[in-house]
Protein backbone atom coordinates (compact mmCIF):
# COMPACT_ATOMS: atom_id res chain seq x y z
CA MET A 1 16.29 10.94 -16.01
CA ASN A 2 13.32 10.73 -17.93
CA ALA A 3 9.95 9.09 -17.72
CA LYS A 4 10.85 5.65 -19.42
CA THR A 5 13.59 5.23 -16.67
CA TYR A 6 13.37 2.01 -14.83
CA ILE A 7 14.66 2.13 -11.31
CA PRO A 8 15.43 -1.36 -9.92
CA PRO A 9 15.54 -0.63 -6.18
CA LEU A 10 12.35 1.34 -6.11
CA THR A 11 11.07 -2.19 -7.64
CA GLY A 12 12.78 -4.11 -4.47
CA ILE A 13 11.33 -1.66 -2.13
CA ARG A 14 7.81 -2.46 -3.20
CA ALA A 15 8.57 -5.92 -1.74
CA ILE A 16 9.76 -4.48 1.75
CA ALA A 17 6.58 -2.12 1.97
CA ALA A 18 4.43 -5.26 1.24
CA PHE A 19 6.29 -7.24 3.71
CA MET A 20 5.93 -4.72 6.39
CA VAL A 21 2.07 -4.73 5.94
CA PHE A 22 2.18 -8.45 6.28
CA PHE A 23 3.90 -8.79 9.69
CA HIS A 24 1.89 -6.14 10.82
CA HIS A 25 -1.35 -8.01 10.38
CA ALA A 26 0.36 -11.21 11.49
CA ASN A 27 1.67 -9.50 14.78
CA GLN A 28 0.76 -11.38 18.03
CA LEU A 29 0.41 -10.22 21.46
CA ASP A 30 2.91 -12.87 22.74
CA TYR A 31 5.78 -11.52 20.99
CA PRO A 32 8.37 -9.35 23.13
CA ARG A 33 6.92 -5.93 23.79
CA PRO A 34 9.55 -4.00 21.54
CA ILE A 35 8.91 -6.28 18.74
CA PHE A 36 5.04 -6.11 19.09
CA ARG A 37 5.16 -2.32 19.16
CA ILE A 38 7.06 -1.99 16.12
CA PHE A 39 5.20 -4.55 14.06
CA ASN A 40 2.03 -2.95 15.56
CA GLU A 41 3.10 0.44 13.42
CA PHE A 42 4.43 -1.57 10.16
CA HIS A 43 1.26 -0.20 8.59
CA THR A 44 3.62 2.15 7.31
CA GLY A 45 4.22 0.25 4.44
CA VAL A 46 1.35 1.61 2.98
CA ALA A 47 2.74 5.05 3.37
CA ILE A 48 5.72 3.76 1.15
CA PHE A 49 3.25 2.55 -1.72
CA PHE A 50 1.38 6.18 -1.57
CA VAL A 51 4.76 8.13 -1.80
CA LEU A 52 6.01 5.78 -4.47
CA SER A 53 2.59 5.89 -6.59
CA GLY A 54 3.09 9.63 -6.54
CA PHE A 55 6.60 9.64 -7.63
CA LEU A 56 6.21 7.04 -10.36
CA ILE A 57 3.15 8.54 -11.95
CA ALA A 58 4.58 11.83 -11.78
CA LEU A 59 7.80 10.63 -13.55
CA ARG A 60 6.11 8.59 -15.91
CA TYR A 61 3.43 11.43 -17.10
CA TYR A 62 4.14 14.91 -15.32
CA GLU A 63 6.13 16.08 -18.64
CA ASN A 64 3.79 14.74 -21.50
CA CYS A 65 0.39 14.84 -19.59
CA GLU A 66 -2.24 16.65 -21.66
CA ILE A 67 -6.12 16.88 -20.81
CA SER A 68 -7.67 15.47 -24.07
CA SER A 69 -9.82 12.83 -24.55
CA ASN A 70 -7.42 10.19 -26.49
CA TRP A 71 -4.36 10.84 -23.70
CA TYR A 72 -6.70 10.54 -20.95
CA ARG A 73 -8.25 7.02 -22.33
CA ARG A 74 -4.80 5.92 -22.74
CA TYR A 75 -3.80 6.94 -19.30
CA ILE A 76 -6.75 5.30 -17.39
CA LYS A 77 -6.07 2.20 -19.71
CA ASN A 78 -2.84 1.88 -18.46
CA ARG A 79 -3.62 2.26 -14.80
CA ILE A 80 -6.74 -0.31 -15.29
CA ALA A 81 -4.20 -2.61 -16.58
CA ARG A 82 -1.80 -2.45 -13.60
CA ILE A 83 -4.34 -2.33 -10.88
CA TYR A 84 -7.51 -3.46 -11.64
CA PRO A 85 -7.59 -7.48 -12.87
CA MET A 86 -5.95 -9.00 -9.85
CA TYR A 87 -7.93 -6.83 -7.63
CA PHE A 88 -11.19 -7.92 -9.67
CA LEU A 89 -10.57 -11.46 -9.42
CA ILE A 90 -9.53 -11.72 -5.76
CA THR A 91 -12.12 -9.79 -4.83
CA VAL A 92 -15.19 -12.07 -6.70
CA ALA A 93 -13.05 -15.04 -5.41
CA THR A 94 -13.28 -13.49 -1.75
CA PHE A 95 -16.91 -13.08 -1.81
CA ALA A 96 -17.26 -16.52 -3.80
CA VAL A 97 -15.58 -18.31 -1.29
CA ALA A 98 -17.54 -16.23 1.91
CA TYR A 99 -21.04 -17.32 -0.13
CA TRP A 100 -19.52 -20.99 -0.19
CA LEU A 101 -18.67 -20.87 3.36
CA ASN A 102 -21.62 -19.03 4.77
CA ASP A 103 -19.16 -16.44 5.89
CA ASN A 104 -20.78 -13.01 6.48
CA THR A 105 -17.94 -11.51 8.18
CA VAL A 106 -17.07 -9.90 4.70
CA TYR A 107 -20.23 -7.98 4.66
CA ASN A 108 -19.88 -6.39 8.11
CA ASN A 109 -23.31 -6.70 8.81
CA PHE A 110 -23.98 -4.59 5.51
CA PRO A 111 -27.77 -5.73 4.50
CA TYR A 112 -27.23 -5.07 0.84
CA HIS A 113 -24.89 -7.87 -0.27
CA LEU A 114 -25.03 -7.41 -4.05
CA LEU A 115 -24.86 -3.40 -3.56
CA LEU A 116 -21.75 -4.06 -1.28
CA ILE A 117 -20.02 -6.52 -3.75
CA ILE A 118 -20.54 -3.81 -6.49
CA LEU A 119 -19.13 -1.04 -3.98
CA ASN A 120 -15.78 -3.07 -3.72
CA ILE A 121 -15.41 -3.92 -7.40
CA PHE A 122 -15.62 -0.26 -8.20
CA PHE A 123 -13.31 0.88 -5.30
CA ILE A 124 -16.20 3.01 -3.90
CA ARG A 125 -16.48 1.19 -0.44
CA GLY A 126 -13.21 2.99 0.90
CA LEU A 127 -15.01 5.93 1.15
CA PHE A 128 -17.26 4.66 3.97
CA ASP A 129 -15.85 4.19 7.35
CA ASP A 130 -18.38 1.21 7.99
CA LEU A 131 -17.60 -0.71 4.65
CA LYS A 132 -13.92 -0.09 4.25
CA PHE A 133 -12.74 -3.40 5.72
CA THR A 134 -15.57 -5.19 3.86
CA GLY A 135 -14.77 -7.70 1.32
CA LEU A 136 -10.89 -7.76 0.32
CA SER A 137 -10.14 -5.88 3.57
CA GLN A 138 -6.97 -4.40 2.61
CA GLY A 139 -8.42 -3.14 -0.55
CA TRP A 140 -9.22 0.26 0.87
CA THR A 141 -5.68 1.53 0.00
CA LEU A 142 -6.96 1.23 -3.61
CA THR A 143 -9.72 3.56 -3.23
CA VAL A 144 -7.01 6.04 -2.40
CA GLU A 145 -4.81 4.87 -5.08
CA GLU A 146 -7.79 5.26 -7.69
CA CYS A 147 -8.66 8.86 -6.69
CA PHE A 148 -4.98 9.60 -7.04
CA TYR A 149 -4.96 7.96 -10.47
CA PHE A 150 -7.91 9.66 -11.92
CA LEU A 151 -7.06 13.29 -10.56
CA ALA A 152 -2.95 13.03 -11.19
CA PRO A 153 -3.25 14.37 -14.72
CA PHE A 154 -5.14 17.55 -13.51
CA PHE A 155 -2.55 18.25 -10.79
CA PHE A 156 0.20 17.82 -13.20
CA ILE A 157 -1.31 20.38 -15.32
CA LYS A 158 -1.94 23.13 -12.31
CA ILE A 159 1.50 22.32 -10.89
CA LYS A 160 3.27 22.86 -14.23
CA LYS A 161 1.40 26.47 -14.66
CA ASN A 162 2.40 27.58 -11.18
CA LYS A 163 4.71 25.29 -8.86
CA ASN A 164 3.01 26.98 -5.67
CA ASN A 165 0.22 24.27 -6.21
CA LEU A 166 2.41 21.60 -5.41
CA TRP A 167 1.62 22.65 -1.76
CA LYS A 168 -1.69 24.53 -2.25
CA ILE A 169 -3.59 21.65 -3.92
CA PRO A 170 -3.01 19.44 -0.98
CA GLY A 171 -4.19 21.94 1.08
CA VAL A 172 -7.47 22.42 -0.85
CA LEU A 173 -8.16 18.60 -0.62
CA LEU A 174 -7.32 18.45 3.34
CA LEU A 175 -9.78 21.52 3.73
CA THR A 176 -12.20 19.67 1.57
CA GLY A 177 -11.79 16.67 3.49
CA ILE A 178 -12.30 18.45 6.63
CA ILE A 179 -15.72 20.16 5.39
CA LEU A 180 -16.86 16.54 4.50
CA VAL A 181 -16.25 15.42 8.01
CA LEU A 182 -18.06 18.44 9.47
CA ILE A 183 -21.05 17.89 6.88
CA PHE A 184 -21.29 14.11 6.85
CA ARG A 185 -20.44 12.98 10.86
CA ASN A 186 -23.80 13.50 12.28
CA LEU A 187 -25.98 11.95 9.41
CA SER A 188 -24.74 8.17 10.27
CA PHE A 189 -24.26 7.35 6.32
CA TYR A 190 -22.42 4.13 6.79
CA GLY A 191 -19.52 6.30 8.00
CA PHE A 192 -19.01 8.18 4.80
CA TYR A 193 -16.70 10.73 6.08
CA GLY A 194 -17.84 10.18 9.54
CA ASN A 195 -14.92 11.41 11.75
CA PHE A 196 -11.99 12.95 11.43
CA THR A 197 -9.61 9.87 12.22
CA PHE A 198 -11.13 8.09 9.13
CA MET A 199 -10.76 11.11 7.04
CA PHE A 200 -6.69 11.63 7.64
CA LEU A 201 -5.98 7.91 7.51
CA TYR A 202 -8.25 5.94 4.98
CA THR A 203 -9.35 8.81 2.52
CA PHE A 204 -7.26 10.36 -0.64
CA THR A 205 -7.83 13.92 0.86
CA GLY A 206 -6.18 12.80 4.27
CA ARG A 207 -3.57 10.72 2.61
CA CYS A 208 -3.05 13.33 -0.26
CA ILE A 209 0.38 14.70 1.34
CA GLU A 210 2.18 11.44 0.67
CA PHE A 211 1.04 11.48 -3.09
CA PHE A 212 2.24 15.01 -3.43
CA ILE A 213 5.64 14.44 -1.57
CA GLY A 214 6.57 11.66 -4.25
CA ILE A 215 5.50 14.20 -6.91
CA ALA A 216 7.77 16.67 -5.56
CA VAL A 217 10.72 14.02 -5.58
CA ALA A 218 9.87 13.60 -9.27
CA ARG A 219 9.79 16.95 -10.37
CA ILE A 220 13.39 17.18 -8.63
CA CYS A 221 14.32 14.03 -10.63
CA LEU A 222 12.95 15.31 -13.75
CA LEU A 223 14.16 18.79 -13.37
CA HIS A 224 16.30 19.81 -10.74
CA SER A 225 18.46 17.04 -9.91
CA GLU A 226 21.65 18.27 -11.13
CA LYS A 227 21.04 21.23 -8.60
CA ILE A 228 21.10 18.88 -5.78
CA LYS A 229 24.63 18.56 -4.11
CA LYS A 230 25.91 15.07 -4.39
CA PHE A 231 27.66 13.35 -1.58
CA ALA A 232 30.43 10.36 -2.03
CA PHE A 233 28.67 8.91 0.90
CA PRO A 234 25.16 7.66 0.69
CA VAL A 235 23.87 10.87 2.99
CA TYR A 236 20.19 10.68 1.39
CA THR A 237 19.85 7.36 1.89
CA ILE A 238 20.79 6.86 5.47
CA GLY A 239 19.06 10.21 6.06
CA GLY A 240 15.84 8.93 4.95
CA PHE A 241 16.09 5.66 6.56
CA LEU A 242 16.57 7.03 9.58
CA LEU A 243 13.92 9.68 9.59
CA ALA A 244 11.64 7.11 8.31
CA CYS A 245 12.46 4.83 11.27
CA THR A 246 11.85 8.04 13.80
CA ALA A 247 8.64 8.37 12.36
CA ILE A 248 7.65 4.64 13.14
CA GLY A 249 9.50 5.28 16.44
CA ILE A 250 7.36 8.09 17.39
CA MET A 251 4.14 6.00 16.44
CA ALA A 252 5.46 2.93 18.34
CA SER A 253 6.22 4.87 21.58
CA LEU A 254 2.91 6.47 21.88
CA PRO A 255 0.27 4.86 24.50
CA LEU A 256 -2.24 2.46 23.27
CA SER A 257 -5.99 2.39 24.44
CA LYS A 258 -9.08 1.34 23.10
CA GLU A 259 -9.63 4.69 20.94
CA TYR A 260 -5.92 4.31 19.76
CA PRO A 261 -5.15 0.72 18.84
CA PHE A 262 -2.24 2.03 17.05
CA GLY A 263 0.11 4.65 17.44
CA GLN A 264 -0.95 5.92 13.86
CA TYR A 265 -4.35 6.73 15.63
CA HIS A 266 -3.24 9.51 18.19
CA PRO A 267 -3.06 12.86 16.68
CA ILE A 268 0.90 12.90 16.85
CA GLY A 269 0.76 9.65 15.18
CA ILE A 270 -1.26 11.23 12.27
CA ILE A 271 1.31 13.80 11.98
CA SER A 272 4.06 11.22 11.90
CA ASN A 273 2.52 8.73 9.65
CA ASN A 274 1.09 11.12 7.06
CA VAL A 275 4.13 13.79 6.90
CA ILE A 276 7.49 13.00 8.73
CA LEU A 277 7.39 9.36 7.33
CA PRO A 278 6.70 10.51 3.74
CA CYS A 279 9.56 12.81 4.17
CA GLY A 280 11.83 10.27 5.25
CA VAL A 281 10.62 7.83 2.39
CA ALA A 282 11.08 10.70 -0.41
CA LEU A 283 14.69 11.19 0.87
CA LEU A 284 15.15 7.43 0.93
CA PHE A 285 13.90 7.32 -2.58
CA TYR A 286 16.18 10.18 -4.00
CA GLY A 287 19.08 8.20 -2.21
CA LEU A 288 18.10 5.16 -3.94
CA ILE A 289 18.06 6.51 -7.21
CA ASN A 290 21.42 9.00 -7.12
CA GLU A 291 23.79 7.08 -4.58
CA HIS A 292 25.32 3.71 -4.45
CA SER A 293 24.67 1.91 -1.50
CA LEU A 294 24.53 -1.89 -0.05
CA PHE A 295 20.66 -1.36 0.44
CA LYS A 296 20.32 -0.42 -3.18
CA LYS A 297 22.47 -3.11 -4.36
CA PHE A 298 20.33 -5.58 -2.12
CA LEU A 299 17.04 -4.15 -3.23
CA SER A 300 18.39 -4.47 -6.97
CA THR A 301 19.11 -7.90 -6.96
CA PRO A 302 17.00 -10.49 -8.97
CA THR A 303 15.20 -12.15 -6.04
CA MET A 304 14.31 -8.48 -4.69
CA GLN A 305 13.13 -7.78 -8.66
CA LEU A 306 11.00 -10.76 -8.45
CA LEU A 307 9.35 -10.26 -5.08
CA GLY A 308 8.85 -6.67 -5.89
CA LYS A 309 7.11 -7.40 -9.14
CA SER A 310 4.47 -9.93 -7.50
CA SER A 311 4.34 -7.52 -4.32
CA TYR A 312 0.92 -6.46 -5.57
CA ILE A 313 -0.57 -9.38 -5.42
CA PHE A 314 1.14 -10.40 -2.12
CA TYR A 315 -0.45 -7.47 -0.85
CA LEU A 316 -3.81 -8.49 -2.10
CA VAL A 317 -3.57 -11.89 -0.63
CA HIS A 318 -1.57 -11.45 2.45
CA ILE A 319 -4.97 -11.79 4.64
CA GLY A 320 -8.00 -13.03 3.28
CA PHE A 321 -8.84 -16.70 2.42
CA ILE A 322 -5.68 -17.83 0.90
CA ALA A 323 -3.91 -16.41 3.69
CA HIS A 324 -6.39 -18.08 6.44
CA ALA A 325 -6.27 -21.45 4.84
CA SER A 326 -2.36 -21.23 4.66
CA ASN A 327 -2.23 -20.47 8.20
CA SER A 328 -4.88 -23.05 9.26
CA TRP A 329 -2.54 -25.59 7.67
CA ALA A 330 0.67 -24.27 8.85
CA GLN A 331 -0.91 -24.18 12.53
CA GLY A 332 -1.99 -27.73 12.07
CA GLU A 333 1.27 -29.21 10.74
CA ILE A 334 3.05 -27.24 13.59
CA ASP A 335 0.90 -28.80 16.24
CA LYS A 336 1.75 -32.34 15.00
CA LEU A 337 5.49 -31.62 15.16
CA TYR A 338 5.22 -30.48 18.59
CA ASN A 339 3.04 -33.20 19.65
CA TRP A 340 5.70 -35.50 17.84
CA LEU A 341 8.40 -33.79 19.96
CA TYR A 342 6.85 -34.08 23.16
CA ASP A 343 6.19 -37.80 22.48
CA LYS A 344 10.07 -38.22 21.85
CA GLY A 345 10.65 -36.26 25.12
CA TRP A 346 12.47 -33.50 23.18
CA ASP A 347 10.55 -30.63 25.31
CA TRP A 348 12.81 -28.05 24.54
CA PHE A 349 12.27 -27.05 21.40
CA PRO A 350 8.42 -26.45 21.46
CA ASP A 351 8.84 -25.00 25.08
CA ASN A 352 11.23 -22.43 23.64
CA ILE A 353 10.15 -21.59 20.20
CA ASN A 354 6.75 -19.74 19.62
CA GLY A 355 4.71 -22.01 16.96
CA ASN A 356 3.27 -18.62 16.14
CA VAL A 357 6.69 -17.41 14.67
CA ILE A 358 7.36 -20.51 12.81
CA SER A 359 3.62 -20.70 11.22
CA THR A 360 4.21 -16.87 10.17
CA ALA A 361 7.10 -17.78 8.45
CA ILE A 362 5.47 -20.63 6.48
CA VAL A 363 2.70 -18.74 5.84
CA PHE A 364 4.81 -15.75 4.44
CA ILE A 365 6.81 -18.20 2.33
CA ILE A 366 3.57 -19.83 0.68
CA LEU A 367 2.15 -16.60 -0.12
CA ASN A 368 5.32 -15.26 -1.68
CA ILE A 369 5.14 -18.60 -3.81
CA VAL A 370 1.60 -18.08 -4.80
CA SER A 371 1.89 -14.44 -5.35
CA ILE A 372 4.83 -15.03 -7.93
CA ILE A 373 2.60 -17.99 -9.54
CA LEU A 374 -0.04 -15.31 -9.99
CA TYR A 375 2.20 -12.81 -11.07
CA LYS A 376 3.73 -14.82 -13.96
CA LEU A 377 0.71 -16.62 -15.15
CA ILE A 378 -2.03 -14.00 -14.63
CA GLU A 379 -1.10 -10.45 -13.71
CA HIS A 380 1.92 -9.78 -16.14
CA PRO A 381 0.31 -11.51 -19.21
CA VAL A 382 -3.11 -9.77 -18.62
CA ASN A 383 -1.37 -6.37 -17.84
CA GLU A 384 0.45 -6.57 -21.19
CA TRP A 385 -2.64 -7.59 -23.15
CA ILE A 386 -4.73 -4.83 -21.93
CA ARG A 387 -2.08 -2.29 -22.77
CA ARG A 388 -1.59 -3.46 -26.26
CA SER A 389 -5.36 -3.82 -26.88
CA SER A 390 -7.57 -0.80 -28.10
CA PHE A 391 -9.53 -1.11 -24.54
CA LEU A 392 -10.88 2.39 -23.81
CA GLU A 393 -9.37 3.90 -27.07
CA GLY A 394 -11.71 5.69 -29.63
CA LYS A 395 -11.51 5.33 -33.43
CA ASN A 396 -9.36 8.60 -33.52
CA ALA A 397 -6.84 7.50 -30.99
CA VAL A 398 -3.13 7.49 -31.85
């Protein structure tokens, strides 16, 4: 395997991760208890993204990274091309729609609206507990991603010098996060490293283990894959899937309270989410790369490839004004349908089929269609244009 290797199942699994987060946010209290508790922990799709980011960035840049001005500018240009255009477009649209509708919820009572827009556009708001869900609320994860992107080449250089840095660096990052919380938790600066739960769940220093587990899998695939025992049966795929399900099951079984609205917030849940789950995801990735399985075939189908490629946009729009408008329309149409059925005396369907399930399915389909259209018309062309351009490259760039 080399840096340019395209791995279809890992594109397909991006869609699975994004869909998990969608169903997490679309969860309903009136769902059957087991389904509600499982969906309640489907935020774990974010962990899949973090491990995948660590793996893909290491796969592409680990062996050829260098700390030089020209190389680093090209590297950052590629990262900007991949992440920023759609994020910027949808973030600006979010604030514009909020202004038009006089909706101040996107500001979360932050008084300096222009400053908050700037903090959102430049990924800074994710460092503050009080501001992390402002604007495009799910965009807090991109603050975590961007911290990794900017620092990854330096990590790679350190790891290549001493492989023990693969576990020492995340230890230092976690310690740094703990120290920051001890310093700032009593200062009340909009929640900047305001508590340990925020640090472990919403910052790069707290979530760094997931990225480094992804790096470890990439190093194995690049340097040591031939030393790993291969099985005729998809052992790594199944083992990784079961371990990931076990981590989700642990979180889903933990008691909920005002302090712990998700199992993820519980100390045991943090360990399950930040350590056990990424280990399962890493094994699953290794299996999808090196083993033959029905799951691999499914993720590699053209449909899953398209959904995977458009999954970033799906993630950006799955909550927000587009999702809200889609849900309002779907709920209205379902109400009309149910009233019509009652008028006809056909009570069984509306009495036994949860309308929220139908509206969620409709919104899911609409958002996928919107995502594919935006991917085809905007994201992919702009990505390619930026990569071909001389943006950020100096006169001496090669």
